[in-house]
């Protein structure tokens, strides 16, 4: 029985050498090596990934980070109510 190659991180199918892109120590089909948001092919030197190994172009990875940052600020504000003197300062601005 022939030995199968590595599996593509995106589609989970076997990746053969002729169609392989290696990045972050993971195997991808060249056709699967795309931004998860805009589906554009990504150059290997410009690719970003999240904790789930989803791939992103620089533009969409930056937006993803901005959204995560906004959510973390919202959570911090809701966990730590603003003191009344800070509310006063904000109302004066």
N, C-alpha and C. Protein backbone atom coordinates (compact mmCIF):
# COMPACT_ATOMS: atom_id res chain seq x y z
N UNK A 1 0.85 -1.17 0.00
CA UNK A 1 0.00 0.00 0.00
C UNK A 1 0.90 1.24 0.00
N UNK A 2 0.67 2.21 -0.92
CA UNK A 2 1.51 3.40 -0.98
C UNK A 2 1.29 4.31 0.23
N UNK A 3 2.37 4.97 0.64
CA UNK A 3 2.29 5.88 1.77
C UNK A 3 1.69 7.21 1.30
N UNK A 4 0.71 7.70 2.02
CA UNK A 4 0.09 8.97 1.66
C UNK A 4 0.94 10.12 2.17
N UNK A 5 0.86 11.25 1.45
CA UNK A 5 1.58 12.45 1.85
C UNK A 5 0.87 13.18 2.97
N UNK A 6 1.39 14.34 3.34
CA UNK A 6 0.76 15.14 4.40
C UNK A 6 -0.61 15.66 3.95
N UNK A 7 -1.42 16.03 4.92
CA UNK A 7 -2.75 16.57 4.64
C UNK A 7 -2.72 18.10 4.61
N UNK A 8 -3.51 18.67 3.73
CA UNK A 8 -3.64 20.13 3.64
C UNK A 8 -4.34 20.65 4.89
N UNK A 9 -3.81 21.70 5.45
CA UNK A 9 -4.37 22.30 6.66
C UNK A 9 -5.75 22.89 6.41
N UNK A 10 -6.02 23.31 5.17
CA UNK A 10 -7.30 23.94 4.84
C UNK A 10 -8.37 22.90 4.49
N UNK A 11 -8.07 22.01 3.53
CA UNK A 11 -9.11 21.09 3.03
C UNK A 11 -8.97 19.66 3.54
N UNK A 12 -7.90 19.35 4.23
CA UNK A 12 -7.65 18.02 4.82
C UNK A 12 -7.41 16.91 3.81
N UNK A 13 -7.21 17.24 2.55
CA UNK A 13 -6.90 16.23 1.54
C UNK A 13 -5.39 16.09 1.42
N UNK A 14 -4.95 14.97 0.84
CA UNK A 14 -3.52 14.72 0.68
C UNK A 14 -2.88 15.77 -0.21
N UNK A 15 -1.71 16.25 0.21
CA UNK A 15 -0.94 17.23 -0.55
C UNK A 15 0.26 16.51 -1.17
N UNK A 16 0.35 16.56 -2.49
CA UNK A 16 1.49 15.98 -3.18
C UNK A 16 2.51 17.06 -3.46
N UNK A 17 3.76 16.68 -3.56
CA UNK A 17 4.87 17.62 -3.67
C UNK A 17 4.66 18.67 -4.77
N UNK A 18 4.15 18.31 -5.91
CA UNK A 18 3.98 19.23 -7.04
C UNK A 18 2.98 20.34 -6.74
N UNK A 19 2.06 20.10 -5.82
CA UNK A 19 1.02 21.10 -5.52
C UNK A 19 1.14 21.62 -4.09
N UNK A 20 2.31 21.48 -3.50
CA UNK A 20 2.49 21.77 -2.09
C UNK A 20 3.08 23.15 -1.81
N UNK A 21 2.56 23.80 -0.77
CA UNK A 21 3.16 25.01 -0.20
C UNK A 21 3.34 24.73 1.28
N UNK A 22 4.55 24.91 1.76
CA UNK A 22 4.85 24.71 3.18
C UNK A 22 5.01 26.07 3.84
N UNK A 23 4.31 26.26 4.95
CA UNK A 23 4.38 27.52 5.68
C UNK A 23 4.00 27.25 7.13
N UNK A 24 4.71 27.88 8.06
CA UNK A 24 4.47 27.69 9.49
C UNK A 24 4.61 26.23 9.90
N UNK A 25 5.38 25.46 9.13
CA UNK A 25 5.55 24.04 9.42
C UNK A 25 4.34 23.21 9.03
N UNK A 26 3.41 23.79 8.28
CA UNK A 26 2.18 23.12 7.86
C UNK A 26 2.16 22.98 6.34
N UNK A 27 1.43 21.99 5.85
CA UNK A 27 1.29 21.77 4.42
C UNK A 27 -0.03 22.33 3.91
N UNK A 28 0.02 22.92 2.72
CA UNK A 28 -1.16 23.47 2.06
C UNK A 28 -1.10 23.13 0.58
N UNK A 29 -2.25 22.91 -0.04
CA UNK A 29 -2.30 22.92 -1.50
C UNK A 29 -2.04 24.35 -1.94
N UNK A 30 -1.36 24.53 -3.04
CA UNK A 30 -1.11 25.88 -3.54
C UNK A 30 -2.44 26.60 -3.76
N UNK A 31 -3.45 25.90 -4.26
CA UNK A 31 -4.76 26.52 -4.51
C UNK A 31 -5.51 26.85 -3.21
N UNK A 32 -5.17 26.20 -2.11
CA UNK A 32 -5.82 26.47 -0.82
C UNK A 32 -5.12 27.58 -0.04
N UNK A 33 -3.95 28.01 -0.50
CA UNK A 33 -3.16 29.00 0.22
C UNK A 33 -3.70 30.39 -0.10
N UNK A 34 -4.84 30.72 0.52
CA UNK A 34 -5.58 31.95 0.25
C UNK A 34 -6.03 32.60 1.56
N UNK A 35 -6.32 33.90 1.47
CA UNK A 35 -6.88 34.62 2.62
C UNK A 35 -8.26 34.04 2.94
N UNK A 36 -8.53 33.78 4.19
CA UNK A 36 -9.82 33.23 4.62
C UNK A 36 -10.97 34.20 4.41
N UNK A 37 -10.67 35.49 4.28
CA UNK A 37 -11.72 36.50 4.12
C UNK A 37 -11.97 36.81 2.65
N UNK A 38 -10.94 37.27 1.94
CA UNK A 38 -11.12 37.74 0.55
C UNK A 38 -10.81 36.68 -0.49
N UNK A 39 -10.29 35.54 -0.08
CA UNK A 39 -9.98 34.42 -0.97
C UNK A 39 -8.89 34.72 -2.01
N UNK A 40 -8.14 35.79 -1.81
CA UNK A 40 -7.03 36.11 -2.70
C UNK A 40 -5.83 35.23 -2.35
N UNK A 41 -5.08 34.83 -3.39
CA UNK A 41 -3.84 34.10 -3.14
C UNK A 41 -2.91 34.99 -2.33
N UNK A 42 -2.15 34.38 -1.45
CA UNK A 42 -1.25 35.14 -0.57
C UNK A 42 0.19 34.72 -0.88
N UNK A 43 1.06 35.70 -0.93
CA UNK A 43 2.49 35.40 -1.06
C UNK A 43 2.97 34.89 0.29
N UNK A 44 3.84 33.91 0.25
CA UNK A 44 4.28 33.25 1.48
C UNK A 44 4.94 34.22 2.45
N UNK A 45 5.60 35.26 1.95
CA UNK A 45 6.25 36.21 2.84
C UNK A 45 5.28 37.25 3.41
N UNK A 46 4.01 37.22 2.97
CA UNK A 46 3.03 38.20 3.46
C UNK A 46 1.85 37.56 4.16
N UNK A 47 1.94 36.28 4.43
CA UNK A 47 0.81 35.57 5.04
C UNK A 47 0.83 35.72 6.56
N UNK A 48 -0.35 35.77 7.15
CA UNK A 48 -0.55 35.79 8.60
C UNK A 48 -1.53 34.66 8.93
N UNK A 49 -1.52 34.23 10.17
CA UNK A 49 -2.49 33.20 10.58
C UNK A 49 -2.96 33.47 12.00
N UNK A 50 -4.13 32.92 12.30
CA UNK A 50 -4.64 33.02 13.66
C UNK A 50 -4.37 31.72 14.41
N UNK A 51 -4.88 31.59 15.61
CA UNK A 51 -4.63 30.41 16.44
C UNK A 51 -5.23 29.14 15.84
N UNK A 52 -6.24 29.29 15.00
CA UNK A 52 -6.89 28.15 14.37
C UNK A 52 -6.23 27.79 13.04
N UNK A 53 -5.09 28.40 12.74
CA UNK A 53 -4.34 28.19 11.49
C UNK A 53 -5.09 28.64 10.25
N UNK A 54 -6.04 29.56 10.41
CA UNK A 54 -6.68 30.18 9.25
C UNK A 54 -5.71 31.21 8.69
N UNK A 55 -5.64 31.30 7.37
CA UNK A 55 -4.71 32.21 6.71
C UNK A 55 -5.36 33.54 6.40
N UNK A 56 -4.57 34.62 6.47
CA UNK A 56 -5.07 35.96 6.19
C UNK A 56 -4.02 36.77 5.44
N UNK A 57 -4.49 37.64 4.55
CA UNK A 57 -3.61 38.63 3.97
C UNK A 57 -3.35 39.68 5.05
N UNK A 58 -2.36 40.53 4.84
CA UNK A 58 -2.02 41.53 5.86
C UNK A 58 -3.18 42.46 6.19
N UNK A 59 -3.95 42.85 5.17
CA UNK A 59 -5.07 43.78 5.37
C UNK A 59 -6.11 43.17 6.30
N UNK A 60 -6.52 41.94 6.03
CA UNK A 60 -7.57 41.33 6.84
C UNK A 60 -7.06 40.88 8.21
N UNK A 61 -5.79 40.52 8.32
CA UNK A 61 -5.25 40.18 9.63
C UNK A 61 -5.22 41.41 10.53
N UNK A 62 -4.86 42.54 9.95
CA UNK A 62 -4.85 43.79 10.73
C UNK A 62 -6.27 44.13 11.20
N UNK A 63 -7.25 43.98 10.33
CA UNK A 63 -8.65 44.23 10.72
C UNK A 63 -9.09 43.27 11.82
N UNK A 64 -8.69 42.01 11.71
CA UNK A 64 -9.03 41.01 12.73
C UNK A 64 -8.45 41.42 14.07
N UNK A 65 -7.21 41.89 14.09
CA UNK A 65 -6.59 42.35 15.33
C UNK A 65 -7.31 43.57 15.90
N UNK A 66 -7.70 44.50 15.03
CA UNK A 66 -8.42 45.70 15.48
C UNK A 66 -9.74 45.33 16.13
N UNK A 67 -10.46 44.40 15.52
CA UNK A 67 -11.75 43.95 16.08
C UNK A 67 -11.53 43.28 17.43
N UNK A 68 -10.52 42.42 17.53
CA UNK A 68 -10.22 41.75 18.79
C UNK A 68 -9.84 42.76 19.86
N UNK A 69 -9.08 43.77 19.48
CA UNK A 69 -8.69 44.82 20.44
C UNK A 69 -9.91 45.60 20.92
N UNK A 70 -10.82 45.95 20.01
CA UNK A 70 -12.04 46.67 20.39
C UNK A 70 -12.89 45.84 21.34
N UNK A 71 -12.99 44.54 21.07
CA UNK A 71 -13.77 43.67 21.95
C UNK A 71 -13.14 43.57 23.32
N UNK A 72 -11.81 43.50 23.38
CA UNK A 72 -11.15 43.40 24.69
C UNK A 72 -11.33 44.68 25.49
N UNK A 73 -11.32 45.82 24.83
CA UNK A 73 -11.56 47.10 25.52
C UNK A 73 -12.98 47.14 26.05
N UNK A 74 -13.94 46.69 25.27
CA UNK A 74 -15.34 46.66 25.70
C UNK A 74 -15.51 45.78 26.93
N UNK A 75 -14.86 44.63 26.93
CA UNK A 75 -14.95 43.71 28.07
C UNK A 75 -14.32 44.36 29.30
N UNK A 76 -13.16 44.98 29.14
CA UNK A 76 -12.50 45.63 30.28
C UNK A 76 -13.34 46.75 30.86
N UNK A 77 -13.96 47.55 30.01
CA UNK A 77 -14.80 48.65 30.48
C UNK A 77 -16.01 48.10 31.23
N UNK A 78 -16.61 47.03 30.72
CA UNK A 78 -17.79 46.49 31.39
C UNK A 78 -17.42 45.81 32.71
N UNK A 79 -16.20 45.27 32.83
CA UNK A 79 -15.77 44.63 34.08
C UNK A 79 -15.31 45.65 35.11
N UNK A 80 -14.80 46.77 34.65
CA UNK A 80 -14.29 47.81 35.54
C UNK A 80 -15.03 49.12 35.28
N UNK A 81 -16.12 49.36 35.97
CA UNK A 81 -16.88 50.59 35.72
C UNK A 81 -16.00 51.84 35.87
N UNK A 82 -16.26 52.81 35.05
CA UNK A 82 -15.50 54.05 35.07
C UNK A 82 -15.90 54.84 36.32
N UNK A 83 -14.91 55.31 37.10
CA UNK A 83 -15.23 56.12 38.27
C UNK A 83 -15.96 57.39 37.86
N UNK A 84 -16.76 57.92 38.76
CA UNK A 84 -17.59 59.08 38.43
C UNK A 84 -16.76 60.29 38.03
N UNK A 85 -15.57 60.48 38.59
CA UNK A 85 -14.76 61.63 38.20
C UNK A 85 -14.28 61.50 36.74
N UNK A 86 -14.07 60.27 36.29
CA UNK A 86 -13.70 60.08 34.88
C UNK A 86 -14.89 60.37 33.97
N UNK A 87 -16.09 60.01 34.41
CA UNK A 87 -17.28 60.32 33.63
C UNK A 87 -17.45 61.82 33.50
N UNK A 88 -17.18 62.54 34.57
CA UNK A 88 -17.28 63.98 34.54
C UNK A 88 -16.28 64.55 33.54
N UNK A 89 -15.06 64.08 33.56
CA UNK A 89 -14.05 64.55 32.63
C UNK A 89 -14.46 64.27 31.18
N UNK A 90 -15.02 63.11 30.94
CA UNK A 90 -15.45 62.77 29.58
C UNK A 90 -16.61 63.64 29.14
N UNK A 91 -17.50 63.96 30.04
CA UNK A 91 -18.66 64.80 29.66
C UNK A 91 -18.23 66.22 29.36
N UNK A 92 -17.16 66.67 29.96
CA UNK A 92 -16.67 68.03 29.72
C UNK A 92 -15.93 68.14 28.38
N UNK A 93 -15.42 67.04 27.88
CA UNK A 93 -14.65 67.08 26.63
C UNK A 93 -15.51 67.33 25.42
